[in-house]
Protein backbone atom coordinates (compact mmCIF):
# COMPACT_ATOMS: atom_id res chain seq x y z
CA MET A 1 114.45 96.60 97.11
CA LYS A 2 111.06 96.89 98.80
CA ASP A 3 111.69 100.44 100.10
CA ILE A 4 113.11 101.58 96.80
CA ILE A 5 110.09 100.27 94.88
CA LEU A 6 107.63 101.73 97.46
CA ASN A 7 109.26 105.20 97.27
CA SER A 8 109.50 105.30 93.46
CA SER A 9 106.23 103.76 92.17
CA PHE A 10 102.58 103.12 92.78
CA GLU A 11 100.58 99.90 92.66
CA GLY A 12 99.86 98.81 89.15
CA GLU A 13 102.78 100.65 87.63
CA THR A 14 105.61 98.89 85.75
CA ILE A 15 109.14 98.54 87.04
CA ALA A 16 112.04 98.01 84.64
CA ASP A 17 114.93 95.93 85.78
CA PHE A 18 117.78 95.80 83.33
CA PHE A 19 120.01 93.38 85.30
CA VAL A 20 117.66 90.85 86.92
CA GLY A 21 120.25 88.55 88.33
CA SER A 22 118.74 86.28 90.97
CA GLY A 23 115.52 88.32 90.96
CA PRO A 24 115.25 90.57 94.02
CA VAL A 25 113.50 93.41 92.14
CA PRO A 26 110.94 91.21 90.38
CA LEU A 27 110.10 89.43 93.63
CA ALA A 28 109.70 92.68 95.61
CA ALA A 29 107.65 94.29 92.81
CA LYS A 30 105.36 91.22 92.60
CA LYS A 31 104.73 91.33 96.38
CA LEU A 32 104.00 95.08 96.11
CA ASN A 33 101.53 94.67 93.15
CA ARG A 34 103.80 96.17 90.49
CA ASN A 35 104.40 94.83 87.00
CA VAL A 36 107.94 94.10 85.92
CA ILE A 37 109.82 94.08 82.74
CA GLY A 38 113.18 92.38 83.28
CA PHE A 39 116.26 91.68 81.23
CA GLU A 40 118.79 88.92 81.89
CA LEU A 41 121.33 87.54 79.43
CA ASP A 42 122.56 84.60 81.51
CA ARG A 43 120.16 81.70 81.22
CA THR A 44 121.20 80.36 84.58
CA TYR A 45 120.05 83.52 86.40
CA PHE A 46 116.94 83.66 84.26
CA ASP A 47 115.97 80.14 85.40
CA ILE A 48 116.77 80.98 89.04
CA THR A 49 114.48 84.01 88.96
CA ASN A 50 111.77 82.27 87.06
CA ASN A 51 111.74 79.42 89.59
CA ARG A 52 111.62 81.90 92.50
CA LEU A 53 108.65 83.65 91.00
CA ILE A 54 106.81 80.35 90.36
CA GLN A 55 107.54 79.24 93.93
CA GLU A 56 106.21 82.58 95.18
CA ASP A 57 102.91 81.95 93.32
CA THR A 58 102.50 78.56 94.97
CA GLU A 59 103.00 80.00 98.45
CA PHE A 60 99.95 82.22 98.33
């Protein structure tokens, strides 16, 4: 996902992810200084992604 985001956006831009799943796009976007708008219907996957993003914050 990192290469796709780097080749299709600039820092500070917003990435749309319509099928977040376990969160590879939001995680890569966050590491590359992009904003993310994500959509996920399944609460289980929403929680997984949210926890991954929170953990990423604590590792900095």
